[in-house]
Amino acid sequence: MSGGSRRTPTLARFNLQLPHHTYDKMPDFDMLPPRTTRRPKMSTLVVLSYVLDWLIMVVVGLIGYFLGNVTPNKRPFSLLDTNIAFPVTEHETVNSGLLLAFNTGVPVAVILVVALVFVPGRTVPEGTPASLIWKRKLWELHMGWLGLALSLISAWIVTQGMKNLFGKPRPDLLSRCVPDVANVMDHIVGFSAPVFATAAGSTYNGQLVSASICTSTDKAFLDDGFRSYPSGHASSAAAGLIYLSFFLASKFAITLPFVPQDTSLSNSGALTAFPSRLNRRNGTATSLSVNTAYEGIRSQSVSAADDDASTPLDPTVAKQIGVHNTVVAAVRRQAAAPPVYLLFIAVLPFFLAVFIASSRWFDFRHHGFDILFGFLIGTITAYFAFRYYHMPIRAGGGWAWGPRSRDKAFWAGLGSCSYASDKHRHPSAREEGMHRLRTMDQDIELADLRERGDPGGSKPGVLRTSRPEHEQSSITTLEPREPEDL
């Protein structure tokens, strides 16, 4: 081309990682105008699908509440069992009101503050509209509350149902029961030695008796004495507060240091709040190959001298050791332990949950296994609910999953692996095969052109792009298909 002509951007210039297709007469990326029209941010169907999520949780919560008024099964017990002979604690350390404040009120308030103050963080490119930032804040807030509700409701319904099914006596059952000791022989159930069953005036020797021996007139108080397993305080505290610990750890990047194994994780640009806007400045698109990875920048600054290795006499060995030290130093510098004060903030809710569960022991409300199993239920529901609506702590950059696709707001159907992509967007096996062939052909062609001194390998008006085989999408876009507002 002539000196006054403008060279067409090439693969070497942009280091593009796009699907391997050949596109003719594409415009220069630097001349792209800012996108003025966008798809609807969220369709009515998607909004209704999340409204349905909330309605289902409310209904399940009401079912759990009514289960608390159902007469539970009442397991037979022995009047000589000292494990159920504790006194009734009149003033609980953590009563139901305090429990609700700790396992629901505290997480709701903390999630609100984190979403409004710390989201989306320092990853927002300059020039991002304030409306876009606020939409992301509200979406993270919504996902945080929705996950919390799922965790609490799941633990609530499971615990309430199990309490009624098992009907296990509490440690203070005998104090609630006020048994009719004078007529104990009339209430014996199960196996009993004949001498005790037939001899008049025989002494009671610890046989099992039914709940009919109780003379207490407070039915609700007596029924609650048979709801020891599992502990509702323990499960609810764990469900709400451990979920909060997961949420804080995710938002503040609190995890054990690790080296990302996936190449997509090594580029922190993919984990920013608005990845597509990294390629736009002042209304024009810039290079799509800009490496925004903080880890990559750090590793590039590391040299073999950082490890202070002694230099051997053999230059070849010295070179090998230098390369080795550089790699080791680069890997070592890709991760670091978070500050301990952040770790302390993240585990505070967990410690509070442990305290609430422990109080049920010294208040004589539950046996040890009841507390442990209830805490396990809450921990499982907390983890499940967090991962249901949030990306993994190690790989998600602290973000919640995006909204569902409009075409899959209520149903995805067989053969679909995600609710975030439109139907009929998956490439066929034939298309995948053609993609692989194009990739091989382009790699060979580019290698040949580089040997001849032309790193671009493209003629005017032609842009060739390739993408690694492991990436499945066959859709080529300059910005993500789904809007990144949420």
Protein backbone atom coordinates (compact mmCIF):
# COMPACT_ATOMS: atom_id res chain seq x y z
CA MET A 1 0.00 0.00 0.00
CA SER A 2 1.06 3.60 -0.40
CA GLY A 3 2.57 5.56 2.44
CA GLY A 4 -0.59 7.65 2.85
CA SER A 5 -2.78 4.60 3.18
CA ARG A 6 -3.69 3.29 6.53
CA ARG A 7 -2.68 -0.29 7.30
CA THR A 8 -5.50 -2.61 8.14
CA PRO A 9 -5.24 -3.96 11.69
CA THR A 10 -3.79 -7.43 11.73
CA LEU A 11 -3.84 -10.38 14.07
CA ALA A 12 -0.30 -9.63 15.23
CA ARG A 13 -1.26 -6.08 16.09
CA PHE A 14 -4.26 -7.01 18.21
CA ASN A 15 -3.39 -10.53 19.33
CA LEU A 16 -7.10 -11.26 18.88
CA GLN A 17 -8.67 -14.25 20.63
CA LEU A 18 -11.94 -14.45 18.69
CA PRO A 19 -13.73 -17.39 17.02
CA HIS A 20 -11.83 -18.67 14.00
CA HIS A 21 -13.74 -17.25 11.03
CA THR A 22 -12.59 -15.20 8.06
CA TYR A 23 -14.26 -11.83 7.63
CA ASP A 24 -13.88 -9.72 4.54
CA LYS A 25 -13.92 -5.93 4.47
CA MET A 26 -14.33 -5.38 8.15
CA PRO A 27 -13.92 -1.77 9.30
CA ASP A 28 -10.91 -0.61 11.23
CA PHE A 29 -11.48 -1.15 14.95
CA ASP A 30 -10.16 2.33 15.68
CA MET A 31 -12.93 3.81 13.55
CA LEU A 32 -15.80 2.02 15.26
CA PRO A 33 -18.39 4.49 16.60
CA PRO A 34 -19.73 4.11 20.10
CA ARG A 35 -22.70 1.83 20.34
CA THR A 36 -25.78 3.95 20.79
CA THR A 37 -28.47 1.26 20.82
CA ARG A 38 -28.59 -1.64 23.21
CA ARG A 39 -30.85 -4.57 23.68
CA PRO A 40 -33.43 -4.28 26.45
CA LYS A 41 -31.65 -4.60 29.76
CA MET A 42 -34.01 -7.22 31.13
CA SER A 43 -37.22 -8.48 29.61
CA THR A 44 -40.49 -8.78 31.46
CA LEU A 45 -40.25 -12.57 31.32
CA VAL A 46 -36.90 -12.52 33.12
CA VAL A 47 -38.23 -10.16 35.78
CA LEU A 48 -41.26 -12.38 36.30
CA SER A 49 -39.02 -15.43 36.66
CA TYR A 50 -37.23 -13.82 39.59
CA VAL A 51 -40.52 -12.65 41.08
CA LEU A 52 -41.60 -16.29 40.97
CA ASP A 53 -38.41 -17.23 42.85
CA TRP A 54 -39.37 -14.87 45.66
CA LEU A 55 -42.97 -16.07 45.74
CA ILE A 56 -41.89 -19.69 46.02
CA MET A 57 -39.62 -18.86 48.93
CA VAL A 58 -42.40 -16.98 50.71
CA VAL A 59 -44.77 -19.93 50.28
CA VAL A 60 -42.18 -22.42 51.53
CA GLY A 61 -41.46 -20.17 54.51
CA LEU A 62 -45.15 -20.08 55.41
CA ILE A 63 -45.30 -23.87 55.17
CA GLY A 64 -42.40 -24.09 57.59
CA TYR A 65 -44.20 -21.72 59.97
CA PHE A 66 -47.36 -23.85 59.98
CA LEU A 67 -45.27 -26.98 60.54
CA GLY A 68 -44.33 -25.46 63.87
CA ASN A 69 -47.98 -25.73 64.93
CA VAL A 70 -48.35 -29.37 63.90
CA THR A 71 -48.31 -31.91 66.70
CA PRO A 72 -45.00 -33.78 66.37
CA ASN A 73 -44.35 -37.45 66.80
CA LYS A 74 -43.56 -38.17 70.46
CA ARG A 75 -40.83 -40.67 71.01
CA PRO A 76 -41.21 -42.84 74.16
CA PHE A 77 -38.82 -42.00 76.97
CA SER A 78 -37.73 -43.22 80.37
CA LEU A 79 -38.43 -41.36 83.58
CA LEU A 80 -34.98 -42.38 84.80
CA ASP A 81 -33.14 -40.89 81.80
CA THR A 82 -31.02 -38.08 83.25
CA ASN A 83 -30.38 -36.67 79.76
CA ILE A 84 -33.94 -35.32 79.65
CA ALA A 85 -34.19 -34.31 83.31
CA PHE A 86 -32.67 -30.81 83.03
CA PRO A 87 -34.62 -27.78 84.24
CA VAL A 88 -36.43 -25.47 81.86
CA THR A 89 -34.43 -22.30 81.16
CA GLU A 90 -36.84 -19.42 81.49
CA HIS A 91 -34.65 -16.81 79.80
CA GLU A 92 -32.79 -18.14 76.77
CA THR A 93 -29.42 -16.66 75.86
CA VAL A 94 -30.56 -16.21 72.25
CA ASN A 95 -34.33 -16.20 71.99
CA SER A 96 -36.28 -16.33 68.73
CA GLY A 97 -36.29 -12.55 68.34
CA LEU A 98 -32.53 -12.24 68.70
CA LEU A 99 -32.05 -15.20 66.37
CA LEU A 100 -34.09 -13.47 63.67
CA ALA A 101 -32.07 -10.29 64.12
CA PHE A 102 -28.75 -12.13 63.88
CA ASN A 103 -29.44 -14.62 61.09
CA THR A 104 -31.55 -12.32 58.90
CA GLY A 105 -31.28 -8.68 59.97
CA VAL A 106 -27.49 -8.57 60.18
CA PRO A 107 -26.87 -10.26 56.79
CA VAL A 108 -29.50 -8.10 55.08
CA ALA A 109 -27.89 -4.90 56.38
CA VAL A 110 -24.32 -5.98 55.62
CA ILE A 111 -25.19 -7.10 52.08
CA LEU A 112 -26.92 -3.75 51.53
CA VAL A 113 -23.88 -1.78 52.65
CA VAL A 114 -21.41 -3.88 50.66
CA ALA A 115 -23.50 -3.72 47.48
CA LEU A 116 -24.01 0.03 47.64
CA VAL A 117 -20.54 1.03 48.83
CA PHE A 118 -18.06 -1.50 47.45
CA VAL A 119 -19.74 -2.61 44.21
CA PRO A 120 -18.54 -2.47 41.49
CA GLY A 121 -15.18 -1.48 42.94
CA ARG A 122 -12.09 -0.15 41.21
CA THR A 123 -12.54 -2.22 38.06
CA VAL A 124 -14.88 0.30 36.44
CA PRO A 125 -13.27 1.93 33.38
CA GLU A 126 -13.30 5.69 33.08
CA GLY A 127 -16.35 7.09 31.38
CA THR A 128 -18.74 4.36 32.53
CA PRO A 129 -22.21 5.91 32.97
CA ALA A 130 -23.43 6.26 36.53
CA SER A 131 -26.69 4.56 35.59
CA LEU A 132 -24.77 1.48 34.52
CA ILE A 133 -22.90 1.40 37.81
CA TRP A 134 -26.11 1.70 39.81
CA LYS A 135 -27.75 -1.08 37.86
CA ARG A 136 -24.82 -3.33 38.72
CA LYS A 137 -25.08 -2.34 42.39
CA LEU A 138 -28.78 -3.17 42.49
CA TRP A 139 -28.25 -6.47 40.71
CA GLU A 140 -25.56 -7.56 43.16
CA LEU A 141 -27.84 -6.49 46.01
CA HIS A 142 -30.73 -8.48 44.59
CA MET A 143 -28.62 -11.59 44.10
CA GLY A 144 -27.17 -11.24 47.60
CA TRP A 145 -30.60 -11.06 49.20
CA LEU A 146 -32.03 -13.78 46.99
CA GLY A 147 -29.24 -16.18 47.94
CA LEU A 148 -29.72 -15.34 51.62
CA ALA A 149 -33.44 -16.06 51.36
CA LEU A 150 -32.80 -19.38 49.64
CA SER A 151 -30.34 -20.41 52.34
CA LEU A 152 -32.61 -19.48 55.25
CA ILE A 153 -35.81 -20.90 53.77
CA SER A 154 -34.12 -24.17 52.81
CA ALA A 155 -32.71 -24.68 56.29
CA TRP A 156 -36.03 -23.63 57.85
CA ILE A 157 -38.25 -26.07 55.97
CA VAL A 158 -35.83 -28.99 56.35
CA THR A 159 -35.40 -28.41 60.07
CA GLN A 160 -39.10 -27.91 60.80
CA GLY A 161 -40.04 -31.05 58.92
CA MET A 162 -37.41 -33.17 60.64
CA LYS A 163 -38.40 -31.93 64.09
CA ASN A 164 -41.95 -33.17 63.65
CA LEU A 165 -40.89 -36.43 62.04
CA PHE A 166 -38.39 -37.51 64.68
CA GLY A 167 -40.14 -36.20 67.80
CA LYS A 168 -37.00 -36.45 69.90
CA PRO A 169 -37.33 -35.33 73.55
CA ARG A 170 -35.48 -32.20 74.61
CA PRO A 171 -33.08 -32.21 77.57
CA ASP A 172 -35.78 -30.49 79.68
CA LEU A 173 -38.67 -32.77 78.66
CA LEU A 174 -39.42 -34.19 82.11
CA SER A 175 -39.72 -30.68 83.52
CA ARG A 176 -42.22 -29.83 80.78
CA CYS A 177 -44.05 -33.14 81.06
CA VAL A 178 -44.77 -33.31 84.81
CA PRO A 179 -45.29 -37.10 84.60
CA ASP A 180 -47.97 -38.99 86.52
CA VAL A 181 -45.54 -41.06 88.58
CA ALA A 182 -48.28 -42.71 90.68
CA ASN A 183 -49.75 -44.43 87.62
CA VAL A 184 -46.52 -45.06 85.75
CA MET A 185 -47.34 -48.71 85.12
CA ASP A 186 -50.34 -47.65 83.02
CA HIS A 187 -48.14 -45.82 80.50
CA ILE A 188 -45.33 -48.31 79.91
CA VAL A 189 -44.72 -49.09 76.23
CA GLY A 190 -42.44 -51.54 74.50
CA PHE A 191 -40.64 -54.42 76.13
CA SER A 192 -41.11 -54.90 79.88
CA ALA A 193 -39.98 -57.83 82.06
CA PRO A 194 -42.98 -59.92 83.19
CA VAL A 195 -42.23 -59.33 86.86
CA PHE A 196 -42.79 -55.61 86.37
CA ALA A 197 -45.81 -56.03 84.17
CA THR A 198 -47.78 -58.41 86.40
CA ALA A 199 -46.64 -58.01 89.98
CA ALA A 200 -48.86 -55.66 91.91
CA GLY A 201 -47.03 -52.84 93.62
CA SER A 202 -43.81 -53.51 91.70
CA THR A 203 -41.24 -50.71 91.56
CA TYR A 204 -40.66 -48.81 88.30
CA ASN A 205 -37.27 -49.72 86.87
CA GLY A 206 -36.77 -47.37 83.90
CA GLN A 207 -39.10 -48.85 81.31
CA LEU A 208 -40.11 -46.65 78.39
CA VAL A 209 -43.32 -44.70 78.80
CA SER A 210 -45.47 -42.82 76.32
CA ALA A 211 -46.25 -39.12 76.29
CA SER A 212 -49.66 -39.90 77.73
CA ILE A 213 -48.00 -39.92 81.16
CA CYS A 214 -47.55 -36.15 80.99
CA THR A 215 -49.97 -34.04 83.02
CA SER A 216 -48.96 -30.62 81.65
CA THR A 217 -51.92 -28.61 80.39
CA ASP A 218 -49.85 -26.35 78.12
CA LYS A 219 -50.06 -28.35 74.88
CA ALA A 220 -47.80 -26.08 72.81
CA PHE A 221 -45.16 -26.05 75.54
CA LEU A 222 -45.30 -29.83 75.84
CA ASP A 223 -45.24 -30.44 72.08
CA ASP A 224 -42.16 -28.24 71.78
CA GLY A 225 -40.46 -30.57 74.24
CA PHE A 226 -40.44 -33.22 71.51
CA ARG A 227 -38.70 -31.05 68.90
CA SER A 228 -35.08 -31.45 69.91
CA TYR A 229 -33.67 -32.91 66.67
CA PRO A 230 -32.30 -31.07 64.79
CA SER A 231 -31.60 -27.69 66.37
CA GLY A 232 -33.48 -24.92 64.62
CA HIS A 233 -31.31 -22.21 66.16
CA ALA A 234 -28.15 -23.94 64.92
CA SER A 235 -29.43 -24.52 61.38
CA SER A 236 -30.87 -21.01 60.99
CA ALA A 237 -27.79 -19.31 62.43
CA ALA A 238 -25.50 -21.26 60.13
CA ALA A 239 -27.72 -20.69 57.10
CA GLY A 240 -27.76 -16.92 57.49
CA LEU A 241 -24.37 -16.13 58.99
CA ILE A 242 -22.20 -18.63 57.12
CA TYR A 243 -23.83 -17.41 53.92
CA LEU A 244 -22.77 -13.93 54.96
CA SER A 245 -19.20 -15.16 55.48
CA PHE A 246 -19.20 -16.59 51.94
CA PHE A 247 -20.58 -13.31 50.60
CA LEU A 248 -17.92 -11.20 52.32
CA ALA A 249 -15.13 -13.55 51.28
CA SER A 250 -16.30 -13.30 47.69
CA LYS A 251 -16.66 -9.53 47.58
CA PHE A 252 -13.33 -8.87 49.34
CA ALA A 253 -11.35 -11.64 47.56
CA ILE A 254 -10.61 -13.50 50.79
CA THR A 255 -9.41 -16.99 49.95
CA LEU A 256 -6.35 -19.19 50.24
CA PRO A 257 -3.72 -17.96 47.75
CA PHE A 258 -3.63 -20.01 44.56
CA VAL A 259 -2.22 -19.92 41.05
CA PRO A 260 -4.93 -19.98 38.36
CA GLN A 261 -4.61 -23.05 36.17
CA ASP A 262 -6.99 -21.85 33.48
CA THR A 263 -5.60 -19.23 31.12
CA SER A 264 -8.89 -17.39 31.26
CA LEU A 265 -8.39 -16.87 34.98
CA SER A 266 -4.92 -15.42 34.55
CA ASN A 267 -6.39 -12.40 32.75
CA SER A 268 -8.14 -10.32 35.37
CA GLY A 269 -9.67 -8.20 32.62
CA ALA A 270 -12.33 -10.90 32.25
CA LEU A 271 -13.29 -10.40 35.89
CA THR A 272 -13.81 -6.65 35.79
CA ALA A 273 -17.23 -5.12 36.25
CA PHE A 274 -17.71 -4.25 32.59
CA PRO A 275 -15.22 -6.19 30.40
CA SER A 276 -16.49 -4.80 27.10
CA ARG A 277 -15.90 -1.23 28.22
CA LEU A 278 -12.20 -1.89 28.64
CA ASN A 279 -12.03 -1.74 24.85
CA ARG A 280 -13.74 1.66 24.59
CA ARG A 281 -12.38 5.08 25.45
CA ASN A 282 -14.16 8.32 24.68
CA GLY A 283 -16.54 6.64 22.27
CA THR A 284 -13.95 4.78 20.19
CA ALA A 285 -12.86 1.20 20.39
CA THR A 286 -9.27 0.40 21.17
CA SER A 287 -7.23 -2.74 20.86
CA LEU A 288 -8.99 -5.89 22.01
CA SER A 289 -5.67 -7.35 23.08
CA VAL A 290 -4.87 -4.95 25.90
CA ASN A 291 -3.65 -7.06 28.79
CA THR A 292 -5.41 -5.76 31.87
CA ALA A 293 -4.24 -8.62 34.05
CA TYR A 294 -2.66 -7.29 37.20
CA GLU A 295 -1.00 -10.66 37.69
CA GLY A 296 0.53 -10.52 34.22
CA ILE A 297 1.95 -7.05 34.82
CA ARG A 298 3.51 -8.20 38.07
CA SER A 299 5.02 -11.32 36.56
CA GLN A 300 6.57 -9.33 33.69
CA SER A 301 8.50 -7.24 36.20
CA VAL A 302 10.08 -10.25 37.87
CA SER A 303 13.58 -11.29 36.90
CA ALA A 304 15.86 -14.12 37.83
CA ALA A 305 17.76 -11.78 40.13
CA ASP A 306 14.80 -11.73 42.52
CA ASP A 307 15.73 -15.15 43.78
CA ASP A 308 19.40 -14.22 44.22
CA ALA A 309 20.65 -17.49 42.72
CA SER A 310 24.39 -18.01 42.54
CA THR A 311 25.79 -17.97 39.02
CA PRO A 312 27.49 -21.23 37.97
CA LEU A 313 30.51 -21.31 35.74
CA ASP A 314 28.73 -22.99 32.83
CA PRO A 315 26.85 -20.31 30.84
CA THR A 316 24.32 -22.88 29.62
CA VAL A 317 23.52 -23.99 33.14
CA ALA A 318 23.39 -20.38 34.26
CA LYS A 319 20.85 -19.64 31.56
CA GLN A 320 18.72 -22.63 32.51
CA ILE A 321 18.78 -21.69 36.18
CA GLY A 322 17.93 -18.12 35.29
CA VAL A 323 14.91 -19.22 33.27
CA HIS A 324 13.85 -21.54 36.08
CA ASN A 325 14.16 -18.81 38.70
CA THR A 326 12.20 -16.41 36.53
CA VAL A 327 9.34 -18.90 36.17
CA VAL A 328 9.33 -19.70 39.87
CA ALA A 329 9.36 -16.04 40.80
CA ALA A 330 6.59 -15.27 38.31
CA VAL A 331 4.39 -18.02 39.75
CA ARG A 332 5.20 -16.98 43.30
CA ARG A 333 4.21 -13.40 42.56
CA GLN A 334 0.83 -14.31 41.05
CA ALA A 335 -0.82 -14.71 44.45
CA ALA A 336 -0.51 -13.41 47.98
CA ALA A 337 -2.33 -13.88 51.27
CA PRO A 338 -5.10 -11.33 51.97
CA PRO A 339 -4.70 -9.06 55.02
CA VAL A 340 -5.64 -10.76 58.27
CA TYR A 341 -8.11 -8.02 59.22
CA LEU A 342 -10.19 -8.92 56.14
CA LEU A 343 -10.07 -12.57 57.15
CA PHE A 344 -11.27 -11.57 60.60
CA ILE A 345 -14.19 -9.63 59.11
CA ALA A 346 -15.21 -12.60 56.98
CA VAL A 347 -15.15 -15.15 59.81
CA LEU A 348 -16.97 -12.97 62.35
CA PRO A 349 -20.41 -14.14 61.14
CA PHE A 350 -19.22 -17.75 61.39
CA PHE A 351 -18.12 -17.24 65.00
CA LEU A 352 -21.48 -15.66 65.80
CA ALA A 353 -23.24 -18.69 64.33
CA VAL A 354 -21.09 -20.99 66.49
CA PHE A 355 -22.01 -18.99 69.60
CA ILE A 356 -25.73 -19.12 68.85
CA ALA A 357 -25.58 -22.86 68.30
CA SER A 358 -23.55 -23.39 71.46
CA SER A 359 -26.07 -21.46 73.54
CA ARG A 360 -28.63 -24.19 72.87
CA TRP A 361 -26.39 -26.59 74.80
CA PHE A 362 -25.98 -24.62 78.00
CA ASP A 363 -29.61 -23.47 77.85
CA PHE A 364 -30.62 -27.17 77.97
CA ARG A 365 -32.63 -26.86 74.75
CA HIS A 366 -30.82 -29.47 72.62
CA HIS A 367 -28.52 -32.43 72.85
CA GLY A 368 -25.05 -32.20 71.35
CA PHE A 369 -25.78 -34.21 68.21
CA ASP A 370 -28.93 -32.18 67.58
CA ILE A 371 -26.84 -29.00 67.52
CA LEU A 372 -24.12 -30.43 65.30
CA PHE A 373 -26.58 -31.82 62.77
CA GLY A 374 -28.56 -28.58 62.68
CA PHE A 375 -25.37 -26.63 62.10
CA LEU A 376 -24.48 -29.00 59.27
CA ILE A 377 -27.86 -28.42 57.61
CA GLY A 378 -27.36 -24.66 57.75
CA THR A 379 -23.82 -24.90 56.40
CA ILE A 380 -24.92 -27.00 53.43
CA THR A 381 -27.81 -24.69 52.54
CA ALA A 382 -25.56 -21.64 52.91
CA TYR A 383 -22.96 -23.00 50.51
CA PHE A 384 -25.55 -24.23 48.03
CA ALA A 385 -27.45 -20.94 48.03
CA PHE A 386 -24.27 -18.91 47.63
CA ARG A 387 -23.06 -20.95 44.67
CA TYR A 388 -26.55 -20.99 43.17
CA TYR A 389 -26.51 -17.23 42.65
CA HIS A 390 -22.81 -16.31 42.86
CA MET A 391 -19.69 -17.23 40.94
CA PRO A 392 -16.99 -19.26 42.73
CA ILE A 393 -14.88 -17.25 45.16
CA ARG A 394 -11.65 -18.28 43.45
CA ALA A 395 -12.78 -17.73 39.88
CA GLY A 396 -15.59 -15.19 39.93
CA GLY A 397 -13.94 -11.97 41.01
CA GLY A 398 -16.69 -11.48 43.59
CA TRP A 399 -19.56 -11.20 41.10
CA ALA A 400 -22.99 -12.78 41.12
CA TRP A 401 -24.20 -14.69 38.09
CA GLY A 402 -25.91 -12.59 35.47
CA PRO A 403 -29.63 -12.68 34.66
CA ARG A 404 -31.27 -15.54 32.86
CA SER A 405 -31.79 -15.41 29.14
CA ARG A 406 -35.16 -14.19 27.95
CA ASP A 407 -35.72 -17.41 26.01
CA LYS A 408 -34.95 -19.49 29.11
CA ALA A 409 -36.53 -17.42 31.82
CA PHE A 410 -38.77 -20.27 32.98
CA TRP A 411 -37.60 -23.34 31.10
CA ALA A 412 -34.44 -24.50 29.32
CA GLY A 413 -35.36 -28.02 28.25
CA LEU A 414 -33.32 -31.07 27.43
CA GLY A 415 -29.91 -30.53 25.87
CA SER A 416 -29.35 -27.08 27.38
CA CYS A 417 -26.53 -26.59 29.86
CA SER A 418 -27.13 -22.96 30.75
CA TYR A 419 -29.94 -20.54 31.44
CA ALA A 420 -27.84 -17.59 30.31
CA SER A 421 -27.72 -18.22 26.56
CA ASP A 422 -30.41 -18.10 23.91
CA LYS A 423 -31.80 -21.27 22.42
CA HIS A 424 -30.32 -22.72 19.23
CA ARG A 425 -27.01 -20.92 19.69
CA HIS A 426 -24.82 -23.97 20.16
CA PRO A 427 -22.55 -24.88 17.22
CA SER A 428 -23.05 -28.26 15.60
CA ALA A 429 -20.40 -30.94 15.45
CA ARG A 430 -19.80 -30.11 11.78
CA GLU A 431 -19.27 -26.44 12.61
CA GLU A 432 -16.85 -27.36 15.36
CA GLY A 433 -14.91 -29.53 12.93
CA MET A 434 -14.76 -26.74 10.39
CA HIS A 435 -13.56 -24.35 13.10
CA ARG A 436 -10.71 -26.67 13.97
CA LEU A 437 -9.70 -26.99 10.32
CA ARG A 438 -9.76 -23.21 9.87
CA THR A 439 -7.63 -22.79 12.97
CA MET A 440 -5.00 -25.23 11.70
CA ASP A 441 -4.99 -23.57 8.26
CA GLN A 442 -4.65 -20.07 9.71
CA ASP A 443 -1.87 -21.09 12.09
CA ILE A 444 0.12 -22.56 9.19
CA GLU A 445 -0.53 -19.52 7.01
CA LEU A 446 0.46 -17.05 9.73
CA ALA A 447 3.62 -18.98 10.54
CA ASP A 448 4.59 -18.92 6.86
CA LEU A 449 3.92 -15.21 6.55
CA ARG A 450 5.96 -14.42 9.67
CA GLU A 451 8.91 -16.33 8.23
CA ARG A 452 8.69 -14.12 5.16
CA GLY A 453 8.68 -10.99 7.31
CA ASP A 454 4.99 -10.13 7.19
CA PRO A 455 3.69 -10.48 10.76
CA GLY A 456 0.20 -9.38 9.80
CA GLY A 457 -0.66 -11.96 7.22
CA SER A 458 -3.67 -10.05 5.96
CA LYS A 459 -4.40 -8.00 2.94
CA PRO A 460 -6.26 -4.71 3.00
CA GLY A 461 -9.85 -5.14 4.07
CA VAL A 462 -9.37 -8.66 5.45
CA LEU A 463 -9.07 -9.65 9.06
CA ARG A 464 -8.36 -13.24 10.05
CA THR A 465 -9.05 -14.29 13.56
CA SER A 466 -8.61 -17.51 15.49
CA ARG A 467 -9.63 -18.89 18.81
CA PRO A 468 -8.39 -21.83 20.88
CA GLU A 469 -10.27 -25.07 20.33
CA HIS A 470 -11.38 -25.38 23.94
CA GLU A 471 -13.58 -22.31 23.65
CA GLN A 472 -16.99 -23.41 22.45
CA SER A 473 -18.81 -20.27 21.35
CA SER A 474 -19.19 -19.74 17.63
CA ILE A 475 -20.56 -16.24 17.96
CA THR A 476 -18.22 -13.36 17.16
CA THR A 477 -19.08 -10.06 18.77
CA LEU A 478 -17.12 -6.98 19.66
CA GLU A 479 -19.06 -6.86 22.91
CA PRO A 480 -20.84 -9.60 24.86
CA ARG A 481 -24.20 -10.69 23.51
CA GLU A 482 -25.97 -10.11 26.79
CA PRO A 483 -25.88 -6.59 28.25
CA GLU A 484 -23.37 -6.17 31.04
CA ASP A 485 -25.48 -3.75 33.04
CA LEU A 486 -26.40 -6.47 35.54
